[in-house]
Amino acid sequence: MKAKTYSLMALLALVLTGGNVWSLNLSQNFNFDGVLVDNLGAPMTGTVSLTFQIYEPGGLDNCLLFEENHPSVALDAGGHFSVRIGSGTRVGAGVDGGLEFKKIFQNEVAVRGSGTNCTLGYTAASGDGRELKVTFNGTPLSPNYALSPVPSAIVAETLQGLTPLDFVSRTETSNPQTVRSSIKFMDSSNANGVAINAPSSLGSSYTLTLPINGGSSGDVLSTNGAGALSWVSPSGGGSVTNVTGTAPITVATGTTTPVISLDDSGVSANTYGSATEVPVIAIDAKGRITSATTAAISGSGLSSLNGQTGGTQSFGAPGTSGTTPAWSSSSNVHTLNIPMASAAGVT
């Protein structure tokens, strides 16, 4: 028995964006019109099941981007049908990635990462089209249909010559938006710009609230410590930014946090002077000690006291002998005698 074959003559009525979609809210479907005939060229009639799949270009069917089913498509007497792709029963996100149409047809981006039915993922190049595979009653029809961007969509890959990298992406959300690394503001000729960078590493996230007005000439921005900025007039003062020194002062780090040291004077650290020596110190005009030495104390010891010549002399307890106050010395001991006033003969 000879197997039946079928052919499909199709007309795609679509306007697809071949470039990046900026802010247009395009319809999430397009028309696919066709005629089904058998191997003898006779039109088919009745109801058929159609499955539509969108793949990356190249005919390899390596990365499935979209799949939906139309289980009951009516054919007219001439085999004609019209299907709006995007309005059928979509397979689960685990099968085709669950991408929106505007994501499927974006270029110069990673359209889908690796996963089920997309082993290597797919990153679209500029000008890439897509391919549409049609399955009729469970039988894939060959070849795939090329979905190419219309000329206006190719132009839409840029906006007045600017690529997607020249813009800040906006997402409809009530939460603050995040821009990584830096924001760059270009001049009117788009030749030069000023970038605002975040530090390479932050201790924690914080918010800066701008002043309510533009301030006055000479004002500087000040923070209240909680991120609220305001304009203030500088009140003078300042801070150390550079430090230098000449001998004997040495500056190791002459920045805002200088390390200052005093050179050695050349005088040895020591204790000068003793029971037999006195210190001899030289001081220059700036009050700096330039040298320190010692000198021996000159002279001789006591040789005689009240006729006593011993090396050790001492004083005894006072006495009351005699009639007048007087010292008496004997055996190197000296005693002061003060007689009592009531004694006879005291004068």
C-alpha atoms as a PDB file:
ATOM      1  CA  MET A   1       0.000   0.000   0.000  1.00  0.00           C
ATOM      2  CA  LYS A   2       1.431   3.327  -0.976  1.00  0.00           C
ATOM      3  CA  ALA A   3       1.817   5.756   1.932  1.00  0.00           C
ATOM      4  CA  LYS A   4      -0.005   9.031   1.655  1.00  0.00           C
ATOM      5  CA  THR A   5       1.971  12.226   1.521  1.00  0.00           C
ATOM      6  CA  TYR A   6       0.720  15.704   2.157  1.00  0.00           C
ATOM      7  CA  SER A   7       1.947  19.117   1.184  1.00  0.00           C
ATOM      8  CA  LEU A   8       1.275  22.525   2.602  1.00  0.00           C
ATOM      9  CA  MET A   9       1.183  25.724   0.637  1.00  0.00           C
ATOM     10  CA  ALA A  10       1.358  28.480   3.217  1.00  0.00           C
ATOM     11  CA  LEU A  11       1.272  32.234   3.451  1.00  0.00           C
ATOM     12  CA  LEU A  12       2.526  33.913   6.589  1.00  0.00           C
ATOM     13  CA  ALA A  13       0.833  37.178   7.340  1.00  0.00           C
ATOM     14  CA  LEU A  14       3.075  38.623  10.016  1.00  0.00           C
ATOM     15  CA  VAL A  15       5.065  41.640  11.044  1.00  0.00           C
ATOM     16  CA  LEU A  16       7.919  40.475  13.266  1.00  0.00           C
ATOM     17  CA  THR A  17      10.572  42.548  14.980  1.00  0.00           C
ATOM     18  CA  GLY A  18      13.961  41.352  13.839  1.00  0.00           C
ATOM     19  CA  GLY A  19      15.756  43.567  16.349  1.00  0.00           C
ATOM     20  CA  ASN A  20      15.382  44.416  19.974  1.00  0.00           C
ATOM     21  CA  VAL A  21      11.945  45.490  21.171  1.00  0.00           C
ATOM     22  CA  TRP A  22      12.230  48.762  23.062  1.00  0.00           C
ATOM     23  CA  SER A  23       8.927  50.015  24.441  1.00  0.00           C
ATOM     24  CA  LEU A  24       6.395  48.786  21.870  1.00  0.00           C
ATOM     25  CA  ASN A  25       3.623  46.581  23.192  1.00  0.00           C
ATOM     26  CA  LEU A  26       3.315  44.439  20.050  1.00  0.00           C
ATOM     27  CA  SER A  27       0.626  41.805  19.525  1.00  0.00           C
ATOM     28  CA  GLN A  28       1.787  38.468  20.885  1.00  0.00           C
ATOM     29  CA  ASN A  29       0.619  36.456  17.825  1.00  0.00           C
ATOM     30  CA  PHE A  30       0.613  36.385  14.032  1.00  0.00           C
ATOM     31  CA  ASN A  31      -1.441  34.789  11.234  1.00  0.00           C
ATOM     32  CA  PHE A  32      -0.450  31.614   9.366  1.00  0.00           C
ATOM     33  CA  ASP A  33      -2.624  30.852   6.293  1.00  0.00           C
ATOM     34  CA  GLY A  34      -2.201  27.690   4.215  1.00  0.00           C
ATOM     35  CA  VAL A  35      -3.674  25.038   1.928  1.00  0.00           C
ATOM     36  CA  LEU A  36      -3.379  21.301   2.652  1.00  0.00           C
ATOM     37  CA  VAL A  37      -3.391  18.915  -0.326  1.00  0.00           C
ATOM     38  CA  ASP A  38      -2.682  15.198  -0.653  1.00  0.00           C
ATOM     39  CA  ASN A  39      -0.045  13.564  -2.858  1.00  0.00           C
ATOM     40  CA  LEU A  40      -2.340  13.859  -5.872  1.00  0.00           C
ATOM     41  CA  GLY A  41      -2.826  17.574  -5.321  1.00  0.00           C
ATOM     42  CA  ALA A  42      -6.416  17.216  -4.143  1.00  0.00           C
ATOM     43  CA  PRO A  43      -7.467  19.606  -1.375  1.00  0.00           C
ATOM     44  CA  MET A  44      -8.049  18.080   2.028  1.00  0.00           C
ATOM     45  CA  THR A  45     -11.210  18.773   3.970  1.00  0.00           C
ATOM     46  CA  GLY A  46     -12.499  18.283   7.486  1.00  0.00           C
ATOM     47  CA  THR A  47     -10.710  18.994  10.742  1.00  0.00           C
ATOM     48  CA  VAL A  48      -6.985  18.510  11.376  1.00  0.00           C
ATOM     49  CA  SER A  49      -4.531  18.930  14.255  1.00  0.00           C
ATOM     50  CA  LEU A  50      -1.628  21.342  13.774  1.00  0.00           C
ATOM     51  CA  THR A  51       1.400  21.916  15.983  1.00  0.00           C
ATOM     52  CA  PHE A  52       3.662  24.934  15.469  1.00  0.00           C
ATOM     53  CA  GLN A  53       7.260  25.149  16.726  1.00  0.00           C
ATOM     54  CA  ILE A  54       9.704  28.048  16.395  1.00  0.00           C
ATOM     55  CA  TYR A  55      13.459  27.262  16.280  1.00  0.00           C
ATOM     56  CA  GLU A  56      16.697  29.133  15.775  1.00  0.00           C
ATOM     57  CA  PRO A  57      17.768  29.626  12.110  1.00  0.00           C
ATOM     58  CA  GLY A  58      19.913  27.107  10.250  1.00  0.00           C
ATOM     59  CA  GLY A  59      17.558  24.134   9.950  1.00  0.00           C
ATOM     60  CA  LEU A  60      19.178  22.191  12.805  1.00  0.00           C
ATOM     61  CA  ASP A  61      16.258  22.415  15.245  1.00  0.00           C
ATOM     62  CA  ASN A  62      18.725  22.537  18.143  1.00  0.00           C
ATOM     63  CA  CYS A  63      16.878  25.040  20.326  1.00  0.00           C
ATOM     64  CA  LEU A  64      13.095  25.060  20.695  1.00  0.00           C
ATOM     65  CA  LEU A  65      11.888  28.604  21.407  1.00  0.00           C
ATOM     66  CA  PHE A  66       8.114  28.172  21.141  1.00  0.00           C
ATOM     67  CA  GLU A  67       5.551  25.370  20.740  1.00  0.00           C
ATOM     68  CA  GLU A  68       1.766  25.381  20.731  1.00  0.00           C
ATOM     69  CA  ASN A  69      -1.019  23.056  19.581  1.00  0.00           C
ATOM     70  CA  HIS A  70      -4.187  23.711  17.587  1.00  0.00           C
ATOM     71  CA  PRO A  71      -6.003  20.369  17.936  1.00  0.00           C
ATOM     72  CA  SER A  72      -9.045  21.235  15.819  1.00  0.00           C
ATOM     73  CA  VAL A  73      -8.377  23.348  12.728  1.00  0.00           C
ATOM     74  CA  ALA A  74     -11.203  23.417  10.168  1.00  0.00           C
ATOM     75  CA  LEU A  75     -10.374  23.169   6.447  1.00  0.00           C
ATOM     76  CA  ASP A  76     -12.713  24.616   3.834  1.00  0.00           C
ATOM     77  CA  ALA A  77     -13.629  22.875   0.588  1.00  0.00           C
ATOM     78  CA  GLY A  78     -10.411  24.059  -0.999  1.00  0.00           C
ATOM     79  CA  GLY A  79      -8.205  22.832   1.875  1.00  0.00           C
ATOM     80  CA  HIS A  80      -7.673  26.360   3.130  1.00  0.00           C
ATOM     81  CA  PHE A  81      -7.151  27.229   6.791  1.00  0.00           C
ATOM     82  CA  SER A  82      -6.082  30.248   8.820  1.00  0.00           C
ATOM     83  CA  VAL A  83      -4.442  29.948  12.229  1.00  0.00           C
ATOM     84  CA  ARG A  84      -3.355  32.704  14.580  1.00  0.00           C
ATOM     85  CA  ILE A  85      -0.097  31.456  16.050  1.00  0.00           C
ATOM     86  CA  GLY A  86       0.093  32.582  19.640  1.00  0.00           C
ATOM     87  CA  SER A  87      -3.558  31.847  20.395  1.00  0.00           C
ATOM     88  CA  GLY A  88      -3.321  28.048  20.662  1.00  0.00           C
ATOM     89  CA  THR A  89      -2.524  25.753  23.569  1.00  0.00           C
ATOM     90  CA  ARG A  90       1.042  26.524  24.660  1.00  0.00           C
ATOM     91  CA  VAL A  91       3.189  23.685  25.968  1.00  0.00           C
ATOM     92  CA  GLY A  92       4.718  24.026  29.423  1.00  0.00           C
ATOM     93  CA  ALA A  93       7.720  26.246  30.105  1.00  0.00           C
ATOM     94  CA  GLY A  94       9.685  23.083  30.834  1.00  0.00           C
ATOM     95  CA  VAL A  95       9.347  22.124  27.153  1.00  0.00           C
ATOM     96  CA  ASP A  96      10.056  25.353  25.224  1.00  0.00           C
ATOM     97  CA  GLY A  97      11.378  27.731  27.913  1.00  0.00           C
ATOM     98  CA  GLY A  98       8.124  29.710  28.248  1.00  0.00           C
ATOM     99  CA  LEU A  99       9.447  32.770  26.373  1.00  0.00           C
ATOM    100  CA  GLU A 100       7.224  35.698  25.349  1.00  0.00           C
ATOM    101  CA  PHE A 101       7.036  36.549  21.642  1.00  0.00           C
ATOM    102  CA  LYS A 102       9.000  39.774  22.101  1.00  0.00           C
ATOM    103  CA  LYS A 103      11.770  37.747  23.723  1.00  0.00           C
ATOM    104  CA  ILE A 104      11.705  35.012  21.047  1.00  0.00           C
ATOM    105  CA  PHE A 105      12.330  37.514  18.246  1.00  0.00           C
ATOM    106  CA  GLN A 106      14.932  39.689  19.976  1.00  0.00           C
ATOM    107  CA  ASN A 107      18.424  39.753  18.469  1.00  0.00           C
ATOM    108  CA  GLU A 108      21.892  40.482  19.862  1.00  0.00           C
ATOM    109  CA  VAL A 109      20.852  38.917  23.176  1.00  0.00           C
ATOM    110  CA  ALA A 110      20.861  35.490  24.802  1.00  0.00           C
ATOM    111  CA  VAL A 111      17.345  34.416  23.798  1.00  0.00           C
ATOM    112  CA  ARG A 112      17.285  31.132  25.708  1.00  0.00           C
ATOM    113  CA  GLY A 113      19.754  29.399  27.974  1.00  0.00           C
ATOM    114  CA  SER A 114      20.568  25.705  27.820  1.00  0.00           C
ATOM    115  CA  GLY A 115      17.808  23.374  28.963  1.00  0.00           C
ATOM    116  CA  THR A 116      15.196  20.898  27.757  1.00  0.00           C
ATOM    117  CA  ASN A 117      15.039  20.862  23.913  1.00  0.00           C
ATOM    118  CA  CYS A 118      17.820  23.485  23.860  1.00  0.00           C
ATOM    119  CA  THR A 119      21.056  21.780  24.854  1.00  0.00           C
ATOM    120  CA  LEU A 120      23.462  24.598  23.962  1.00  0.00           C
ATOM    121  CA  GLY A 121      21.161  27.579  24.398  1.00  0.00           C
ATOM    122  CA  TYR A 122      20.713  30.236  21.719  1.00  0.00           C
ATOM    123  CA  THR A 123      22.199  33.727  21.468  1.00  0.00           C
ATOM    124  CA  ALA A 124      20.781  35.620  18.472  1.00  0.00           C
ATOM    125  CA  ALA A 125      23.031  37.610  16.167  1.00  0.00           C
ATOM    126  CA  SER A 126      21.997  40.845  14.475  1.00  0.00           C
ATOM    127  CA  GLY A 127      19.702  40.081  11.526  1.00  0.00           C
ATOM    128  CA  ASP A 128      18.910  36.505  12.611  1.00  0.00           C
ATOM    129  CA  GLY A 129      15.543  35.179  11.494  1.00  0.00           C
ATOM    130  CA  ARG A 130      13.723  32.221  13.019  1.00  0.00           C
ATOM    131  CA  GLU A 131      12.301  28.976  11.586  1.00  0.00           C
ATOM    132  CA  LEU A 132       8.745  27.673  11.898  1.00  0.00           C
ATOM    133  CA  LYS A 133       8.145  23.919  11.918  1.00  0.00           C
ATOM    134  CA  VAL A 134       4.595  22.679  11.220  1.00  0.00           C
ATOM    135  CA  THR A 135       3.359  19.247  12.327  1.00  0.00           C
ATOM    136  CA  PHE A 136       0.141  17.957  10.705  1.00  0.00           C
ATOM    137  CA  ASN A 137      -1.790  15.200  12.534  1.00  0.00           C
ATOM    138  CA  GLY A 138       1.471  14.131  14.204  1.00  0.00           C
ATOM    139  CA  THR A 139       3.557  14.194  10.993  1.00  0.00           C
ATOM    140  CA  PRO A 140       6.240  16.921  10.724  1.00  0.00           C
ATOM    141  CA  LEU A 141       6.164  18.734   7.378  1.00  0.00           C
ATOM    142  CA  SER A 142       9.459  19.554   5.700  1.00  0.00           C
ATOM    143  CA  PRO A 143      11.200  21.886   5.193  1.00  0.00           C
ATOM    144  CA  ASN A 144      10.817  24.474   7.933  1.00  0.00           C
ATOM    145  CA  TYR A 145       9.445  27.905   7.073  1.00  0.00           C
ATOM    146  CA  ALA A 146      11.830  30.849   7.393  1.00  0.00           C
ATOM    147  CA  LEU A 147      10.610  33.724   9.541  1.00  0.00           C
ATOM    148  CA  SER A 148      12.631  36.742   8.438  1.00  0.00           C
ATOM    149  CA  PRO A 149      12.400  40.281   9.822  1.00  0.00           C
ATOM    150  CA  VAL A 150      10.822  42.890   7.599  1.00  0.00           C
ATOM    151  CA  PRO A 151      13.040  45.871   6.571  1.00  0.00           C
ATOM    152  CA  SER A 152      11.541  48.219   9.147  1.00  0.00           C
ATOM    153  CA  ALA A 153      12.333  45.714  11.885  1.00  0.00           C
ATOM    154  CA  ILE A 154      15.982  45.574  10.786  1.00  0.00           C
ATOM    155  CA  VAL A 155      16.169  49.351  11.158  1.00  0.00           C
ATOM    156  CA  ALA A 156      14.575  48.946  14.589  1.00  0.00           C
ATOM    157  CA  GLU A 157      17.698  47.149  15.796  1.00  0.00           C
ATOM    158  CA  THR A 158      18.976  50.685  16.358  1.00  0.00           C
ATOM    159  CA  LEU A 159      17.222  53.866  17.437  1.00  0.00           C
ATOM    160  CA  GLN A 160      18.613  56.878  15.595  1.00  0.00           C
ATOM    161  CA  GLY A 161      21.862  54.946  15.235  1.00  0.00           C
ATOM    162  CA  LEU A 162      22.093  53.998  18.919  1.00  0.00           C
ATOM    163  CA  THR A 163      22.314  50.329  19.896  1.00  0.00           C
ATOM    164  CA  PRO A 164      20.699  48.723  22.962  1.00  0.00           C
ATOM    165  CA  LEU A 165      23.979  49.166  24.852  1.00  0.00           C
ATOM    166  CA  ASP A 166      23.540  52.954  24.632  1.00  0.00           C
ATOM    167  CA  PHE A 167      20.333  52.926  26.704  1.00  0.00           C
ATOM    168  CA  VAL A 168      19.251  52.198  30.241  1.00  0.00           C
ATOM    169  CA  SER A 169      16.736  49.368  30.290  1.00  0.00           C
ATOM    170  CA  ARG A 170      13.417  50.137  32.010  1.00  0.00           C
ATOM    171  CA  THR A 171      11.122  47.609  33.634  1.00  0.00           C
ATOM    172  CA  GLU A 172       7.610  48.406  34.861  1.00  0.00           C
ATOM    173  CA  THR A 173       7.950  47.944  38.612  1.00  0.00           C
ATOM    174  CA  SER A 174       7.378  49.844  41.833  1.00  0.00           C
ATOM    175  CA  ASN A 175      10.778  48.772  43.166  1.00  0.00           C
ATOM    176  CA  PRO A 176      14.014  50.747  42.614  1.00  0.00           C
ATOM    177  CA  GLN A 177      15.902  49.791  39.464  1.00  0.00           C
ATOM    178  CA  THR A 178      19.490  48.544  39.584  1.00  0.00           C
ATOM    179  CA  VAL A 179      22.216  49.648  37.174  1.00  0.00           C
ATOM    180  CA  ARG A 180      25.477  47.776  37.590  1.00  0.00           C
ATOM    181  CA  SER A 181      28.921  49.391  37.552  1.00  0.00           C
ATOM    182  CA  SER A 182      28.214  52.920  36.251  1.00  0.00           C
ATOM    183  CA  ILE A 183      25.825  55.355  34.579  1.00  0.00           C
ATOM    184  CA  LYS A 184      27.217  57.481  31.754  1.00  0.00           C
ATOM    185  CA  PHE A 185      25.761  60.848  30.677  1.00  0.00           C
ATOM    186  CA  MET A 186      26.774  61.826  27.131  1.00  0.00           C
ATOM    187  CA  ASP A 187      27.205  65.347  25.775  1.00  0.00           C
ATOM    188  CA  SER A 188      24.968  66.752  23.024  1.00  0.00           C
ATOM    189  CA  SER A 189      27.258  65.411  20.275  1.00  0.00           C
ATOM    190  CA  ASN A 190      27.357  61.943  21.851  1.00  0.00           C
ATOM    191  CA  ALA A 191      31.171  62.114  21.644  1.00  0.00           C
ATOM    192  CA  ASN A 192      32.125  62.420  25.305  1.00  0.00           C
ATOM    193  CA  GLY A 193      30.423  61.553  28.540  1.00  0.00           C
ATOM    194  CA  VAL A 194      30.579  61.718  32.309  1.00  0.00           C
ATOM    195  CA  ALA A 195      30.270  58.419  34.180  1.00  0.00           C
ATOM    196  CA  ILE A 196      29.139  57.926  37.770  1.00  0.00           C
ATOM    197  CA  ASN A 197      30.691  54.774  39.187  1.00  0.00           C
ATOM    198  CA  ALA A 198      29.888  52.799  42.302  1.00  0.00           C
ATOM    199  CA  PRO A 199      32.876  51.701  44.419  1.00  0.00           C
ATOM    200  CA  SER A 200      34.291  48.305  43.516  1.00  0.00           C
ATOM    201  CA  SER A 201      33.315  47.057  46.959  1.00  0.00           C
ATOM    202  CA  LEU A 202      30.725  48.360  49.440  1.00  0.00           C
ATOM    203  CA  GLY A 203      30.354  47.485  53.104  1.00  0.00           C
ATOM    204  CA  SER A 204      26.570  47.632  52.705  1.00  0.00           C
ATOM    205  CA  SER A 205      23.894  49.187  50.508  1.00  0.00           C
ATOM    206  CA  TYR A 206      22.744  52.744  51.183  1.00  0.00           C
ATOM    207  CA  THR A 207      20.499  55.402  49.651  1.00  0.00           C
ATOM    208  CA  LEU A 208      21.420  59.002  48.831  1.00  0.00           C
ATOM    209  CA  THR A 209      18.559  61.522  48.717  1.00  0.00           C
ATOM    210  CA  LEU A 210      19.283  64.590  46.577  1.00  0.00           C
ATOM    211  CA  PRO A 211      18.624  68.187  47.766  1.00  0.00           C
ATOM    212  CA  ILE A 212      15.307  69.827  46.899  1.00  0.00           C
ATOM    213  CA  ASN A 213      17.008  72.645  44.939  1.00  0.00           C
ATOM    214  CA  GLY A 214      20.193  73.483  43.057  1.00  0.00           C
ATOM    215  CA  GLY A 215      21.934  75.388  45.871  1.00  0.00           C
ATOM    216  CA  SER A 216      23.961  78.596  45.568  1.00  0.00           C
ATOM    217  CA  SER A 217      27.299  79.379  43.988  1.00  0.00           C
ATOM    218  CA  GLY A 218      30.151  77.903  46.004  1.00  0.00           C
ATOM    219  CA  ASP A 219      27.919  75.549  48.007  1.00  0.00           C
ATOM    220  CA  VAL A 220      29.049  72.002  48.663  1.00  0.00           C
ATOM    221  CA  LEU A 221      27.046  68.856  49.305  1.00  0.00           C
ATOM    222  CA  SER A 222      26.756  67.715  52.902  1.00  0.00           C
ATOM    223  CA  THR A 223      25.154  64.588  54.350  1.00  0.00           C
ATOM    224  CA  ASN A 224      23.252  64.212  57.596  1.00  0.00           C
ATOM    225  CA  GLY A 225      24.803  60.794  58.144  1.00  0.00           C
ATOM    226  CA  ALA A 226      21.665  58.991  56.979  1.00  0.00           C
ATOM    227  CA  GLY A 227      22.081  59.697  53.256  1.00  0.00           C
ATOM    228  CA  ALA A 228      20.024  62.925  53.003  1.00  0.00           C
ATOM    229  CA  LEU A 229      22.105  65.438  51.018  1.00  0.00           C
ATOM    230  CA  SER A 230      21.833  69.224  51.309  1.00  0.00           C
ATOM    231  CA  TRP A 231      23.734  72.257  50.070  1.00  0.00           C
ATOM    232  CA  VAL A 232      25.858  74.103  52.643  1.00  0.00           C
ATOM    233  CA  SER A 233      28.265  77.035  52.446  1.00  0.00           C
ATOM    234  CA  PRO A 234      31.836  76.096  53.386  1.00  0.00           C
ATOM    235  CA  SER A 235      32.822  77.691  56.717  1.00  0.00           C
ATOM    236  CA  GLY A 236      36.583  77.563  56.260  1.00  0.00           C
ATOM    237  CA  GLY A 237      39.029  75.248  57.912  1.00  0.00           C
ATOM    238  CA  GLY A 238      40.472  72.361  56.045  1.00  0.00           C
ATOM    239  CA  SER A 239      42.502  69.252  56.500  1.00  0.00           C
ATOM    240  CA  VAL A 240      46.112  68.188  56.126  1.00  0.00           C
ATOM    241  CA  THR A 241      46.824  66.794  52.678  1.00  0.00           C
ATOM    242  CA  ASN A 242      50.642  66.827  52.546  1.00  0.00           C
ATOM    243  CA  VAL A 243      53.462  66.954  55.126  1.00  0.00           C
ATOM    244  CA  THR A 244      57.221  67.400  54.594  1.00  0.00           C
ATOM    245  CA  GLY A 245      60.074  67.795  57.050  1.00  0.00           C
ATOM    246  CA  THR A 246      63.788  68.632  57.330  1.00  0.00           C
ATOM    247  CA  ALA A 247      66.391  67.105  59.643  1.00  0.00           C
ATOM    248  CA  PRO A 248      66.089  66.134  62.408  1.00  0.00           C
ATOM    249  CA  ILE A 249      62.377  65.585  61.516  1.00  0.00           C
ATOM    250  CA  THR A 250      61.650  62.690  59.168  1.00  0.00           C
ATOM    251  CA  VAL A 251      58.259  62.174  57.433  1.00  0.00           C
ATOM    252  CA  ALA A 252      57.709  58.605  56.251  1.00  0.00           C
ATOM    253  CA  THR A 253      54.216  59.086  54.733  1.00  0.00           C
ATOM    254  CA  GLY A 254      53.530  62.672  53.704  1.00  0.00           C
ATOM    255  CA  THR A 255      49.782  62.282  53.028  1.00  0.00           C
ATOM    256  CA  THR A 256      46.667  62.994  55.074  1.00  0.00           C
ATOM    257  CA  THR A 257      47.896  60.529  57.713  1.00  0.00           C
ATOM    258  CA  PRO A 258      51.611  61.360  57.994  1.00  0.00           C
ATOM    259  CA  VAL A 259      54.080  59.286  60.002  1.00  0.00           C
ATOM    260  CA  ILE A 260      56.520  61.727  61.646  1.00  0.00           C
ATOM    261  CA  SER A 261      59.657  60.779  63.593  1.00  0.00           C
ATOM    262  CA  LEU A 262      62.609  62.629  65.197  1.00  0.00           C
ATOM    263  CA  ASP A 263      66.131  61.639  64.183  1.00  0.00           C
ATOM    264  CA  ASP A 264      68.599  60.553  66.858  1.00  0.00           C
ATOM    265  CA  SER A 265      70.640  63.525  68.203  1.00  0.00           C
ATOM    266  CA  GLY A 266      73.899  61.605  68.399  1.00  0.00           C
ATOM    267  CA  VAL A 267      73.875  61.680  72.212  1.00  0.00           C
ATOM    268  CA  SER A 268      73.874  58.203  73.728  1.00  0.00           C
ATOM    269  CA  ALA A 269      70.919  57.361  75.908  1.00  0.00           C
ATOM    270  CA  ASN A 270      72.298  57.106  79.453  1.00  0.00           C
ATOM    271  CA  THR A 271      72.232  58.544  82.991  1.00  0.00           C
ATOM    272  CA  TYR A 272      74.851  61.210  83.505  1.00  0.00           C
ATOM    273  CA  GLY A 273      76.231  62.149  86.955  1.00  0.00           C
ATOM    274  CA  SER A 274      76.965  60.208  90.169  1.00  0.00           C
ATOM    275  CA  ALA A 275      78.242  60.706  93.748  1.00  0.00           C
ATOM    276  CA  THR A 276      81.652  61.558  92.374  1.00  0.00           C
ATOM    277  CA  GLU A 277      80.727  63.075  88.966  1.00  0.00           C
ATOM    278  CA  VAL A 278      78.545  65.845  87.633  1.00  0.00           C
ATOM    279  CA  PRO A 279      76.935  65.911  84.110  1.00  0.00           C
ATOM    280  CA  VAL A 280      78.345  68.300  81.504  1.00  0.00           C
ATOM    281  CA  ILE A 281      75.659  69.086  78.852  1.00  0.00           C
ATOM    282  CA  ALA A 282      76.024  71.152  75.624  1.00  0.00           C
ATOM    283  CA  ILE A 283      72.882  72.843  74.224  1.00  0.00           C
ATOM    284  CA  ASP A 284      72.624  74.615  70.831  1.00  0.00           C
ATOM    285  CA  ALA A 285      70.699  77.821  70.045  1.00  0.00           C
ATOM    286  CA  LYS A 286      67.497  75.866  69.386  1.00  0.00           C
ATOM    287  CA  GLY A 287      67.580  74.247  72.813  1.00  0.00           C
ATOM    288  CA  ARG A 288      68.714  70.857  71.541  1.00  0.00           C
ATOM    289  CA  ILE A 289      71.212  68.771  73.528  1.00  0.00           C
ATOM    290  CA  THR A 290      74.175  68.163  71.273  1.00  0.00           C
ATOM    291  CA  SER A 291      76.446  66.334  73.725  1.00  0.00           C
ATOM    292  CA  ALA A 292      76.497  65.009  77.284  1.00  0.00           C
ATOM    293  CA  THR A 293      79.523  63.949  79.364  1.00  0.00           C
ATOM    294  CA  THR A 294      80.514  63.812  83.035  1.00  0.00           C
ATOM    295  CA  ALA A 295      83.190  65.548  85.135  1.00  0.00           C
ATOM    296  CA  ALA A 296      84.687  64.293  88.402  1.00  0.00           C
ATOM    297  CA  ILE A 297      83.972  66.310  91.557  1.00  0.00           C
ATOM    298  CA  SER A 298      87.302  67.929  92.698  1.00  0.00           C
ATOM    299  CA  GLY A 299      88.467  68.510  96.388  1.00  0.00           C
ATOM    300  CA  SER A 300      89.365  66.348  99.435  1.00  0.00           C
ATOM    301  CA  GLY A 301      87.511  64.987 102.421  1.00  0.00           C
ATOM    302  CA  LEU A 302      87.319  66.378 106.019  1.00  0.00           C
ATOM    303  CA  SER A 303      90.727  65.903 107.707  1.00  0.00           C
ATOM    304  CA  SER A 304      90.027  67.177 111.272  1.00  0.00           C
ATOM    305  CA  LEU A 305      87.010  68.175 113.359  1.00  0.00           C
ATOM    306  CA  ASN A 306      87.578  69.822 116.791  1.00  0.00           C
ATOM    307  CA  GLY A 307      90.951  68.158 116.935  1.00  0.00           C
ATOM    308  CA  GLN A 308      89.693  64.682 116.065  1.00  0.00           C
ATOM    309  CA  THR A 309      91.243  63.204 112.843  1.00  0.00           C
ATOM    310  CA  GLY A 310      89.505  59.862 112.531  1.00  0.00           C
ATOM    311  CA  GLY A 311      87.957  58.824 109.253  1.00  0.00           C
ATOM    312  CA  THR A 312      84.574  58.527 110.957  1.00  0.00           C
ATOM    313  CA  GLN A 313      83.228  61.308 113.130  1.00  0.00           C
ATOM    314  CA  SER A 314      80.000  61.120 115.190  1.00  0.00           C
ATOM    315  CA  PHE A 315      77.936  63.195 117.583  1.00  0.00           C
ATOM    316  CA  GLY A 316      76.986  61.951 121.030  1.00  0.00           C
ATOM    317  CA  ALA A 317      73.929  62.688 123.135  1.00  0.00           C
ATOM    318  CA  PRO A 318      73.909  66.227 124.632  1.00  0.00           C
ATOM    319  CA  GLY A 319      75.211  66.535 128.220  1.00  0.00           C
ATOM    320  CA  THR A 320      74.923  69.036 131.124  1.00  0.00           C
ATOM    321  CA  SER A 321      78.538  69.206 132.305  1.00  0.00           C
ATOM    322  CA  GLY A 322      80.370  72.497 132.981  1.00  0.00           C
ATOM    323  CA  THR A 323      79.174  75.965 133.763  1.00  0.00           C
ATOM    324  CA  THR A 324      78.874  77.244 130.169  1.00  0.00           C
ATOM    325  CA  PRO A 325      77.694  75.594 126.924  1.00  0.00           C
ATOM    326  CA  ALA A 326      80.646  73.911 125.238  1.00  0.00           C
ATOM    327  CA  TRP A 327      81.645  71.042 122.911  1.00  0.00           C
ATOM    328  CA  SER A 328      83.767  68.240 124.210  1.00  0.00           C
ATOM    329  CA  SER A 329      85.439  65.878 121.764  1.00  0.00           C
ATOM    330  CA  SER A 330      87.089  62.569 122.481  1.00  0.00           C
ATOM    331  CA  SER A 331      87.739  59.447 120.388  1.00  0.00           C
ATOM    332  CA  ASN A 332      86.157  61.142 117.358  1.00  0.00           C
ATOM    333  CA  VAL A 333      82.854  61.609 119.257  1.00  0.00           C
ATOM    334  CA  HIS A 334      81.620  65.148 119.746  1.00  0.00           C
ATOM    335  CA  THR A 335      79.254  66.019 122.619  1.00  0.00           C
ATOM    336  CA  LEU A 336      77.490  69.314 123.238  1.00  0.00           C
ATOM    337  CA  ASN A 337      77.187  70.122 126.977  1.00  0.00           C
ATOM    338  CA  ILE A 338      74.590  72.628 128.102  1.00  0.00           C
ATOM    339  CA  PRO A 339      74.587  73.026 131.941  1.00  0.00           C
ATOM    340  CA  MET A 340      71.370  73.382 133.862  1.00  0.00           C
ATOM    341  CA  ALA A 341      70.536  76.960 134.784  1.00  0.00           C
ATOM    342  CA  SER A 342      69.950  75.970 138.414  1.00  0.00           C
ATOM    343  CA  ALA A 343      73.443  74.539 138.834  1.00  0.00           C
ATOM    344  CA  ALA A 344      75.946  76.506 140.869  1.00  0.00           C
ATOM    345  CA  GLY A 345      78.296  78.712 138.939  1.00  0.00           C
ATOM    346  CA  VAL A 346      76.384  78.589 135.660  1.00  0.00           C
ATOM    347  CA  THR A 347      76.835  81.806 133.763  1.00  0.00           C
END
